[in-house]
Amino acid sequence: MTEAVNGGAAGGAGSEGILLKGGLVLDPASQTEQVMDVRIAEGVVQEMGVGLDAAGARVVDVSGKIVAPGLIDLHVHLREPGGEVHETVQTGSMAAAAGGFTTICAMPNTSPRGDDPTVMEYILRKGAGFGLTEVLPIGTVSKQSEGKEISEIGLLYQAGACAISDDGNPVVSGLVLRRALEYAKPFGIPVIDHCEDPDLKDGGLMHEGYWSTRLGLKGIPAESEAVAVARDILLAGLTRGKMHLAHISARQSVELLRFAAESGIPVTAEATPHHLTLTDADVQGYHTSFKVSPPLRGEEHRRAVLEAVKSGLITCIATDHAPWDAENKDCEFENASNGISGLETALAVVWDALVVREKMRPMDLIARMTLGPAEVLGRKDRGRLRAGGRADLVVIDPELSKRVDRGTLYTKGRNCPYHGRVYQGWPVLTVAGGRMTMRDGKVMYEG
């Protein structure tokens, strides 16, 4: 990207703002697909059109690039408070900016847990202080995420919780989940469930199938997820609450989602980049960067989830960004923690897999990472690119190919399964709240 400054200071946007010149604007909400300019000032998209006057603006030539709403991630583990050795709000926010994200939702499995309104307030304050991306806290479904007694959902909502979830613990009790759906409903926030039957999981380490047998690792059947998905769908139908299913990975789960859609049951779901692009065969070599929950499954499952994302049955792509330090990953497969660091690679991984290889429409992929998550959250002020709206944007170079190097990532977590692989389609500029937060892979933060 080239840049010119007309009447403003060369070092920053100045009060005059920014003019993104000549990019292909893709906005799923309005189905806009047009080459035009975008003027940003005072945190707002001031105007969009062809041949806008550049006087007084910091002009950034984005011709040949795609200008889209800023990406939204419903599922991020920032570890703070309590797990700062693995990640912090600051390092996670930097990783988000590098990945093109302008809103991320922080899971509550911290220490102390996110069952306390003060933790919600802490996350909001920390995220706002860095100004790199908006960090929205998620509260717990149950106290201490133990699945026995529901949290004070109203107090968590008032303190800023955008959703409630016990991820990475499933809500085993159907009654607790029912009550959570009922109590969350008046506030309009979703209940996000980690769908898993612990009894069927039975201490498994990877997907049950050919590769678990060959590698001598205890397997987890796909039914351990699907049984919980079926229950959650029925409870959503009973309560008409906002049920959102995290990190769908199994073919049977996709079939159940299709049943829900055909039955008019209000359920949404997300898929992760790793479940869309990797399989249990990647566990060969016992590399712990491929150990996740739910596990990477066989090709038939990967394909079913991918087709559900392409068709829109699954409306969201979320990273489940789960960074760990070396002690938790550089060990035997059995002892390693579950999780992948994925904020910085997410867009390129799915762009390469879905747009380049599967010929998915760029508009549809962008929708899964912007409009879809915004609708789950009930936030009409984001996930859209329009005059008068929030100046949260990402500029994507659809032709840019890069090799992933985990040593250059902003996240503390080096548990990246994509290390050494080449992907096409990278974010090259992130604008959050009208401020450039990443340019050409470099996060623009001095703290």
Protein backbone atom coordinates (compact mmCIF):
# COMPACT_ATOMS: atom_id res chain seq x y z
CA MET A 1 0.00 0.00 0.00
CA THR A 2 1.23 3.47 -0.85
CA GLU A 3 0.41 6.58 1.06
CA ALA A 4 0.22 10.30 0.50
CA VAL A 5 -0.54 13.06 2.98
CA ASN A 6 -2.45 16.09 1.76
CA GLY A 7 -2.31 18.94 4.22
CA GLY A 8 -1.86 16.75 7.30
CA ALA A 9 1.03 15.58 9.46
CA ALA A 10 2.98 12.74 7.91
CA GLY A 11 3.20 10.77 11.12
CA GLY A 12 -0.49 10.17 11.77
CA ALA A 13 -4.07 10.57 10.62
CA GLY A 14 -4.45 13.97 12.22
CA SER A 15 -7.82 15.52 12.90
CA GLU A 16 -8.52 15.40 9.14
CA GLY A 17 -8.73 11.64 9.13
CA ILE A 18 -7.94 8.89 6.63
CA LEU A 19 -8.98 8.31 3.03
CA LEU A 20 -8.78 4.73 1.80
CA LYS A 21 -8.50 5.14 -1.95
CA GLY A 22 -9.73 2.78 -4.64
CA GLY A 23 -10.40 -0.46 -2.77
CA LEU A 24 -13.11 -3.00 -3.50
CA VAL A 25 -15.65 -2.43 -0.71
CA LEU A 26 -17.38 -5.62 0.39
CA ASP A 27 -20.15 -5.20 2.96
CA PRO A 28 -22.28 -8.30 3.60
CA ALA A 29 -25.03 -6.39 5.43
CA SER A 30 -25.87 -4.24 2.40
CA GLN A 31 -24.38 -6.63 -0.17
CA THR A 32 -22.27 -3.72 -1.42
CA GLU A 33 -19.55 -4.81 -3.84
CA GLN A 34 -18.02 -1.77 -5.47
CA VAL A 35 -14.67 -0.08 -6.03
CA MET A 36 -14.82 3.19 -4.11
CA ASP A 37 -13.12 5.43 -1.57
CA VAL A 38 -13.80 5.41 2.17
CA ARG A 39 -13.27 8.52 4.29
CA ILE A 40 -12.74 8.07 8.04
CA ALA A 41 -12.63 10.79 10.68
CA GLU A 42 -13.38 11.07 14.40
CA GLY A 43 -13.91 7.32 14.71
CA VAL A 44 -16.67 7.25 12.09
CA VAL A 45 -16.98 6.36 8.40
CA GLN A 46 -17.81 9.84 7.12
CA GLU A 47 -18.56 8.96 3.51
CA MET A 48 -18.11 6.32 0.84
CA GLY A 49 -18.06 6.98 -2.87
CA VAL A 50 -16.11 7.27 -6.10
CA GLY A 51 -13.52 10.02 -6.49
CA LEU A 52 -13.78 11.52 -3.00
CA ASP A 53 -11.79 14.72 -2.39
CA ALA A 54 -8.47 13.90 -0.73
CA ALA A 55 -7.78 17.38 0.61
CA GLY A 56 -6.55 17.35 4.20
CA ALA A 57 -6.65 13.57 4.55
CA ARG A 58 -4.03 10.92 5.03
CA VAL A 59 -4.49 9.02 1.78
CA VAL A 60 -3.82 5.29 1.66
CA ASP A 61 -3.93 3.68 -1.78
CA VAL A 62 -5.72 0.34 -1.38
CA SER A 63 -6.36 -0.32 -5.05
CA GLY A 64 -6.36 -4.04 -5.77
CA LYS A 65 -7.28 -4.71 -2.15
CA ILE A 66 -10.57 -5.51 -0.41
CA VAL A 67 -12.02 -3.12 2.18
CA ALA A 68 -14.37 -4.90 4.60
CA PRO A 69 -15.88 -4.45 8.05
CA GLY A 70 -13.47 -5.19 10.90
CA LEU A 71 -13.41 -8.88 11.84
CA ILE A 72 -15.23 -10.10 14.97
CA ASP A 73 -14.10 -13.13 16.98
CA LEU A 74 -16.66 -14.68 19.31
CA HIS A 75 -14.23 -17.07 20.97
CA VAL A 76 -10.87 -15.94 22.35
CA HIS A 77 -8.95 -17.02 25.45
CA LEU A 78 -6.88 -14.10 26.75
CA ARG A 79 -5.91 -15.93 29.99
CA GLU A 80 -5.83 -12.69 32.00
CA PRO A 81 -6.45 -12.40 34.91
CA GLY A 82 -4.46 -15.26 36.38
CA GLY A 83 -2.81 -16.79 33.32
CA GLU A 84 -0.57 -13.96 32.17
CA VAL A 85 2.32 -16.36 31.54
CA HIS A 86 0.31 -17.68 28.57
CA GLU A 87 -1.32 -14.47 27.26
CA THR A 88 -2.45 -11.03 28.42
CA VAL A 89 -5.13 -8.64 27.27
CA GLN A 90 -2.35 -6.58 25.71
CA THR A 91 -0.63 -9.37 23.77
CA GLY A 92 -3.98 -10.83 22.75
CA SER A 93 -5.14 -7.42 21.54
CA MET A 94 -1.95 -7.03 19.51
CA ALA A 95 -2.50 -10.44 17.97
CA ALA A 96 -6.09 -9.48 17.18
CA ALA A 97 -5.03 -6.25 15.46
CA ALA A 98 -2.42 -8.17 13.45
CA GLY A 99 -5.15 -10.58 12.33
CA GLY A 100 -7.61 -7.89 11.20
CA PHE A 101 -9.92 -8.17 14.22
CA THR A 102 -11.57 -5.07 15.68
CA THR A 103 -13.80 -6.85 18.21
CA ILE A 104 -12.91 -9.96 20.23
CA CYS A 105 -14.90 -11.75 22.93
CA ALA A 106 -12.88 -13.00 25.90
CA MET A 107 -13.81 -16.34 27.43
CA PRO A 108 -14.21 -16.45 31.24
CA ASN A 109 -12.00 -19.43 32.17
CA THR A 110 -9.59 -17.14 33.99
CA SER A 111 -8.47 -16.95 37.60
CA PRO A 112 -10.56 -15.58 39.19
CA ARG A 113 -13.34 -16.89 36.97
CA GLY A 114 -15.60 -14.64 35.01
CA ASP A 115 -18.52 -15.26 37.35
CA ASP A 116 -17.78 -11.95 39.10
CA PRO A 117 -18.89 -8.57 37.69
CA THR A 118 -15.54 -7.06 38.69
CA VAL A 119 -13.79 -9.40 36.25
CA MET A 120 -16.05 -8.14 33.45
CA GLU A 121 -15.19 -4.56 34.37
CA TYR A 122 -11.49 -5.39 34.55
CA ILE A 123 -11.44 -6.91 31.04
CA LEU A 124 -13.35 -3.96 29.57
CA ARG A 125 -11.05 -1.44 31.20
CA LYS A 126 -7.86 -3.25 30.17
CA GLY A 127 -8.97 -3.65 26.57
CA ALA A 128 -10.04 -0.03 26.25
CA GLY A 129 -6.73 1.10 27.71
CA PHE A 130 -4.73 -0.43 24.86
CA GLY A 131 -7.13 0.77 22.16
CA LEU A 132 -6.09 -1.89 19.65
CA THR A 133 -9.36 -3.79 19.45
CA GLU A 134 -12.57 -3.78 21.44
CA VAL A 135 -12.43 -6.54 24.05
CA LEU A 136 -15.86 -7.73 25.17
CA PRO A 137 -15.91 -10.01 28.22
CA ILE A 138 -17.97 -13.19 28.41
CA GLY A 139 -19.34 -14.22 31.81
CA THR A 140 -19.79 -17.76 33.08
CA VAL A 141 -23.01 -19.77 32.81
CA SER A 142 -22.45 -21.25 36.25
CA LYS A 143 -20.53 -20.27 39.33
CA GLN A 144 -16.89 -21.31 39.00
CA SER A 145 -17.97 -23.00 35.74
CA GLU A 146 -18.85 -26.05 37.80
CA GLY A 147 -22.25 -26.52 36.15
CA LYS A 148 -24.15 -26.66 39.43
CA GLU A 149 -25.58 -23.19 40.09
CA ILE A 150 -26.15 -20.49 37.50
CA SER A 151 -24.18 -17.27 37.79
CA GLU A 152 -25.70 -13.87 38.57
CA ILE A 153 -26.40 -13.33 34.88
CA GLY A 154 -28.09 -9.94 35.28
CA LEU A 155 -25.16 -8.53 37.25
CA LEU A 156 -22.67 -9.90 34.72
CA TYR A 157 -24.66 -8.31 31.88
CA GLN A 158 -24.80 -4.97 33.67
CA ALA A 159 -21.02 -5.14 34.14
CA GLY A 160 -20.50 -5.58 30.39
CA ALA A 161 -20.79 -9.30 29.61
CA CYS A 162 -21.67 -9.80 25.94
CA ALA A 163 -22.53 -13.49 26.41
CA ILE A 164 -22.25 -16.31 28.96
CA SER A 165 -20.32 -19.55 28.59
CA ASP A 166 -18.53 -22.20 30.65
CA ASP A 167 -16.12 -23.02 27.80
CA GLY A 168 -13.86 -25.21 28.08
CA ASN A 169 -16.30 -27.01 30.35
CA PRO A 170 -19.57 -28.29 28.91
CA VAL A 171 -22.72 -27.48 30.85
CA VAL A 172 -23.53 -31.08 31.74
CA SER A 173 -26.80 -30.42 33.58
CA GLY A 174 -29.72 -29.89 31.24
CA LEU A 175 -31.61 -28.09 33.99
CA VAL A 176 -28.78 -25.61 34.61
CA LEU A 177 -28.53 -24.90 30.88
CA ARG A 178 -32.30 -24.46 30.62
CA ARG A 179 -32.30 -21.95 33.47
CA ALA A 180 -29.36 -20.08 31.96
CA LEU A 181 -31.18 -19.76 28.63
CA GLU A 182 -34.27 -18.48 30.41
CA TYR A 183 -32.41 -15.96 32.57
CA ALA A 184 -30.24 -14.69 29.70
CA LYS A 185 -33.17 -14.26 27.32
CA PRO A 186 -34.44 -10.87 28.64
CA PHE A 187 -30.95 -9.41 28.23
CA GLY A 188 -30.65 -10.58 24.62
CA ILE A 189 -27.27 -12.23 25.15
CA PRO A 190 -26.36 -15.68 23.84
CA VAL A 191 -25.48 -18.75 25.87
CA ILE A 192 -22.38 -20.28 24.26
CA ASP A 193 -21.99 -23.98 24.99
CA HIS A 194 -18.99 -26.25 24.62
CA CYS A 195 -20.86 -29.31 23.33
CA GLU A 196 -19.43 -32.45 24.85
CA ASP A 197 -20.57 -35.45 26.83
CA PRO A 198 -17.76 -36.06 29.37
CA ASP A 199 -18.76 -39.68 29.87
CA LEU A 200 -18.47 -40.42 26.16
CA LYS A 201 -15.20 -38.50 25.99
CA ASP A 202 -13.91 -40.84 28.71
CA GLY A 203 -10.42 -39.36 28.91
CA GLY A 204 -9.84 -39.47 25.17
CA LEU A 205 -6.99 -37.54 23.59
CA MET A 206 -7.92 -37.30 19.89
CA HIS A 207 -10.69 -38.25 17.46
CA GLU A 208 -11.66 -41.91 17.62
CA GLY A 209 -10.85 -43.60 14.33
CA TYR A 210 -8.07 -44.98 12.18
CA TRP A 211 -5.41 -42.56 13.39
CA SER A 212 -6.15 -42.93 17.10
CA THR A 213 -5.77 -46.69 16.68
CA ARG A 214 -2.57 -46.37 14.68
CA LEU A 215 -1.03 -43.85 17.07
CA GLY A 216 -2.12 -45.74 20.17
CA LEU A 217 -3.98 -42.75 21.61
CA LYS A 218 -7.36 -43.09 23.29
CA GLY A 219 -10.08 -41.80 20.99
CA ILE A 220 -13.07 -39.48 21.41
CA PRO A 221 -16.10 -40.44 19.29
CA ALA A 222 -17.86 -37.76 17.27
CA GLU A 223 -21.02 -38.72 19.14
CA SER A 224 -19.58 -37.16 22.30
CA GLU A 225 -20.21 -33.79 20.64
CA ALA A 226 -23.37 -34.66 18.73
CA VAL A 227 -25.24 -35.95 21.80
CA ALA A 228 -24.72 -32.57 23.50
CA VAL A 229 -25.64 -30.68 20.32
CA ALA A 230 -28.94 -32.57 20.13
CA ARG A 231 -29.77 -31.72 23.75
CA ASP A 232 -28.86 -28.06 23.29
CA ILE A 233 -31.03 -27.74 20.20
CA LEU A 234 -34.02 -29.20 22.02
CA LEU A 235 -33.48 -26.84 24.97
CA ALA A 236 -33.27 -23.89 22.58
CA GLY A 237 -36.59 -24.98 21.13
CA LEU A 238 -38.10 -25.28 24.61
CA THR A 239 -36.90 -21.91 25.90
CA ARG A 240 -36.57 -19.92 22.65
CA GLY A 241 -33.39 -18.55 24.21
CA LYS A 242 -30.29 -17.54 22.25
CA MET A 243 -28.24 -20.73 22.00
CA HIS A 244 -24.87 -20.57 20.27
CA LEU A 245 -22.84 -23.74 19.76
CA ALA A 246 -19.07 -23.37 19.99
CA HIS A 247 -16.48 -24.93 17.65
CA ILE A 248 -18.63 -27.48 15.78
CA SER A 249 -16.44 -30.33 14.51
CA ALA A 250 -18.59 -33.36 13.68
CA ARG A 251 -20.69 -34.43 10.69
CA GLN A 252 -23.50 -35.55 13.01
CA SER A 253 -23.58 -32.09 14.59
CA VAL A 254 -24.03 -30.53 11.15
CA GLU A 255 -26.96 -32.85 10.45
CA LEU A 256 -28.55 -31.81 13.76
CA LEU A 257 -28.06 -28.13 12.90
CA ARG A 258 -29.88 -28.76 9.64
CA PHE A 259 -32.75 -30.30 11.62
CA ALA A 260 -32.85 -27.20 13.84
CA ALA A 261 -32.94 -24.86 10.85
CA GLU A 262 -35.72 -26.83 9.18
CA SER A 263 -37.66 -26.90 12.46
CA GLY A 264 -37.34 -23.17 13.09
CA ILE A 265 -35.36 -23.63 16.32
CA PRO A 266 -33.19 -20.55 17.06
CA VAL A 267 -29.66 -21.95 17.21
CA THR A 268 -26.44 -20.48 15.81
CA ALA A 269 -23.06 -22.12 15.55
CA GLU A 270 -19.42 -21.43 14.81
CA ALA A 271 -16.57 -23.35 13.21
CA THR A 272 -12.86 -22.78 13.73
CA PRO A 273 -10.15 -22.40 11.07
CA HIS A 274 -8.43 -25.53 12.40
CA HIS A 275 -11.53 -27.72 12.15
CA LEU A 276 -12.04 -26.41 8.61
CA THR A 277 -8.52 -27.15 7.42
CA LEU A 278 -6.88 -29.84 9.57
CA THR A 279 -7.74 -33.48 10.34
CA ASP A 280 -6.75 -36.21 12.78
CA ALA A 281 -4.11 -37.31 10.27
CA ASP A 282 -2.17 -34.17 11.22
CA VAL A 283 -1.61 -35.62 14.70
CA GLN A 284 1.02 -37.95 13.16
CA GLY A 285 4.27 -37.30 14.95
CA TYR A 286 2.35 -36.55 18.16
CA HIS A 287 2.78 -32.80 17.62
CA THR A 288 0.96 -31.15 20.50
CA SER A 289 0.08 -28.02 18.47
CA PHE A 290 -2.57 -30.25 16.90
CA LYS A 291 -4.12 -31.21 20.24
CA VAL A 292 -7.40 -29.34 20.66
CA SER A 293 -10.86 -29.74 22.20
CA PRO A 294 -12.97 -30.79 20.40
CA PRO A 295 -10.31 -32.81 18.60
CA LEU A 296 -9.39 -32.60 14.95
CA ARG A 297 -11.59 -35.17 13.24
CA GLY A 298 -11.54 -37.26 10.08
CA GLU A 299 -11.92 -35.91 6.56
CA GLU A 300 -15.66 -36.66 6.34
CA HIS A 301 -16.24 -34.47 9.38
CA ARG A 302 -13.98 -31.67 8.14
CA ARG A 303 -15.79 -31.70 4.81
CA ALA A 304 -19.24 -31.60 6.41
CA VAL A 305 -18.31 -28.61 8.58
CA LEU A 306 -16.73 -26.83 5.62
CA GLU A 307 -19.85 -27.29 3.49
CA ALA A 308 -22.00 -26.01 6.37
CA VAL A 309 -19.90 -22.83 6.52
CA LYS A 310 -20.08 -22.39 2.75
CA SER A 311 -23.85 -22.81 2.70
CA GLY A 312 -24.47 -20.53 5.68
CA LEU A 313 -25.86 -23.25 7.93
CA ILE A 314 -22.94 -22.31 10.20
CA THR A 315 -22.93 -18.52 10.23
CA CYS A 316 -19.73 -17.79 12.15
CA ILE A 317 -16.03 -18.54 12.00
CA ALA A 318 -14.33 -18.11 15.39
CA THR A 319 -10.70 -18.81 16.25
CA ASP A 320 -10.95 -20.41 19.72
CA HIS A 321 -7.56 -18.72 20.18
CA ALA A 322 -6.01 -20.67 23.06
CA PRO A 323 -2.36 -19.73 23.70
CA TRP A 324 -0.11 -21.72 26.04
CA ASP A 325 3.46 -21.38 27.19
CA ALA A 326 6.09 -23.98 26.33
CA GLU A 327 5.64 -25.91 29.56
CA ASN A 328 2.04 -26.75 28.63
CA LYS A 329 2.82 -27.79 25.06
CA ASP A 330 6.42 -29.01 24.89
CA CYS A 331 5.65 -32.28 26.61
CA GLU A 332 4.12 -35.70 25.95
CA PHE A 333 0.89 -35.60 23.93
CA GLU A 334 -1.06 -37.09 26.82
CA ASN A 335 0.04 -34.33 29.20
CA ALA A 336 -0.24 -31.38 26.83
CA SER A 337 -2.99 -28.78 27.19
CA ASN A 338 -5.62 -28.43 24.48
CA GLY A 339 -5.43 -25.37 22.28
CA ILE A 340 -4.17 -23.51 19.21
CA SER A 341 -3.00 -19.90 18.85
CA GLY A 342 -5.02 -18.65 15.91
CA LEU A 343 -5.85 -14.93 15.92
CA GLU A 344 -3.10 -13.82 13.56
CA THR A 345 -3.45 -16.62 11.01
CA ALA A 346 -7.24 -17.08 10.97
CA LEU A 347 -8.15 -14.94 7.98
CA ALA A 348 -5.35 -16.19 5.75
CA VAL A 349 -6.00 -19.83 6.66
CA VAL A 350 -9.70 -19.69 5.82
CA TRP A 351 -9.24 -17.40 2.80
CA ASP A 352 -6.76 -19.83 1.29
CA ALA A 353 -8.94 -22.85 2.08
CA LEU A 354 -12.38 -21.48 1.23
CA VAL A 355 -11.92 -18.67 -1.30
CA VAL A 356 -8.79 -19.77 -3.17
CA ARG A 357 -9.35 -23.53 -3.11
CA GLU A 358 -13.11 -23.92 -2.66
CA LYS A 359 -14.13 -20.87 -4.72
CA MET A 360 -16.37 -19.54 -1.95
CA ARG A 361 -17.51 -15.98 -2.59
CA PRO A 362 -15.32 -13.50 -0.70
CA MET A 363 -18.51 -11.72 0.38
CA ASP A 364 -19.78 -14.89 2.07
CA LEU A 365 -16.51 -15.59 3.87
CA ILE A 366 -16.37 -12.02 5.15
CA ALA A 367 -19.95 -12.39 6.37
CA ARG A 368 -18.95 -15.40 8.51
CA MET A 369 -16.30 -13.28 10.23
CA THR A 370 -18.25 -10.02 10.55
CA LEU A 371 -22.02 -9.92 10.13
CA GLY A 372 -22.63 -13.45 11.45
CA PRO A 373 -20.84 -12.89 14.77
CA ALA A 374 -22.38 -9.41 15.13
CA GLU A 375 -25.86 -10.89 14.80
CA VAL A 376 -25.11 -13.55 17.42
CA LEU A 377 -24.10 -10.76 19.80
CA GLY A 378 -27.09 -8.63 18.82
CA ARG A 379 -24.74 -5.74 17.99
CA LYS A 380 -26.06 -3.75 15.04
CA ASP A 381 -23.29 -1.19 15.43
CA ARG A 382 -20.56 -3.50 14.11
CA GLY A 383 -19.98 -6.08 11.42
CA ARG A 384 -21.13 -3.51 8.88
CA LEU A 385 -19.40 -0.94 6.68
CA ARG A 386 -21.55 2.12 6.05
CA ALA A 387 -21.46 5.91 6.10
CA GLY A 388 -22.16 7.12 9.62
CA GLY A 389 -21.13 3.79 11.17
CA ARG A 390 -18.21 2.76 13.35
CA ALA A 391 -14.84 3.07 11.65
CA ASP A 392 -13.86 -0.56 12.21
CA LEU A 393 -12.35 -1.92 9.01
CA VAL A 394 -9.91 -4.43 7.62
CA VAL A 395 -8.08 -4.21 4.30
CA ILE A 396 -7.29 -7.60 2.75
CA ASP A 397 -4.76 -8.37 0.02
CA PRO A 398 -6.33 -11.41 -1.68
CA GLU A 399 -3.15 -12.11 -3.67
CA LEU A 400 -0.60 -11.84 -0.87
CA SER A 401 1.06 -15.17 0.02
CA LYS A 402 3.14 -15.52 3.18
CA ARG A 403 4.76 -18.29 5.15
CA VAL A 404 3.68 -18.52 8.77
CA ASP A 405 6.52 -18.04 11.25
CA ARG A 406 5.45 -18.57 14.84
CA GLY A 407 8.56 -16.70 16.00
CA THR A 408 7.15 -13.44 14.63
CA LEU A 409 3.68 -13.71 16.17
CA TYR A 410 2.50 -11.08 18.65
CA THR A 411 0.72 -13.65 20.83
CA LYS A 412 2.69 -15.22 23.65
CA GLY A 413 1.47 -18.63 22.51
CA ARG A 414 3.77 -20.40 20.07
CA ASN A 415 1.37 -23.36 19.78
CA CYS A 416 0.64 -22.65 16.12
CA PRO A 417 0.00 -25.68 13.89
CA TYR A 418 0.41 -23.57 10.73
CA HIS A 419 4.08 -22.81 11.30
CA GLY A 420 6.02 -23.15 8.06
CA ARG A 421 2.93 -23.33 5.84
CA VAL A 422 2.17 -20.81 3.11
CA TYR A 423 -1.27 -19.20 2.85
CA GLN A 424 -2.78 -16.71 0.42
CA GLY A 425 -5.01 -13.78 1.43
CA TRP A 426 -3.77 -11.70 4.37
CA PRO A 427 -4.98 -8.62 6.22
CA VAL A 428 -2.67 -5.69 5.48
CA LEU A 429 -4.42 -2.87 7.34
CA THR A 430 -6.63 -2.80 10.42
CA VAL A 431 -8.56 0.29 11.47
CA ALA A 432 -10.26 0.17 14.88
CA GLY A 433 -12.33 3.10 16.09
CA GLY A 434 -10.93 5.22 13.27
CA ARG A 435 -7.30 4.53 14.21
CA MET A 436 -4.83 2.43 12.26
CA THR A 437 -3.81 -0.42 14.54
CA MET A 438 -1.96 -2.62 12.04
CA ARG A 439 -0.24 -1.87 8.76
CA ASP A 440 1.52 -4.42 6.56
CA GLY A 441 1.69 -6.91 9.42
CA LYS A 442 3.11 -4.46 11.96
CA VAL A 443 0.94 -3.54 14.96
CA MET A 444 0.91 0.22 15.48
CA TYR A 445 1.13 0.44 19.24
CA GLU A 446 3.69 2.09 21.47
CA GLY A 447 3.12 1.02 25.06
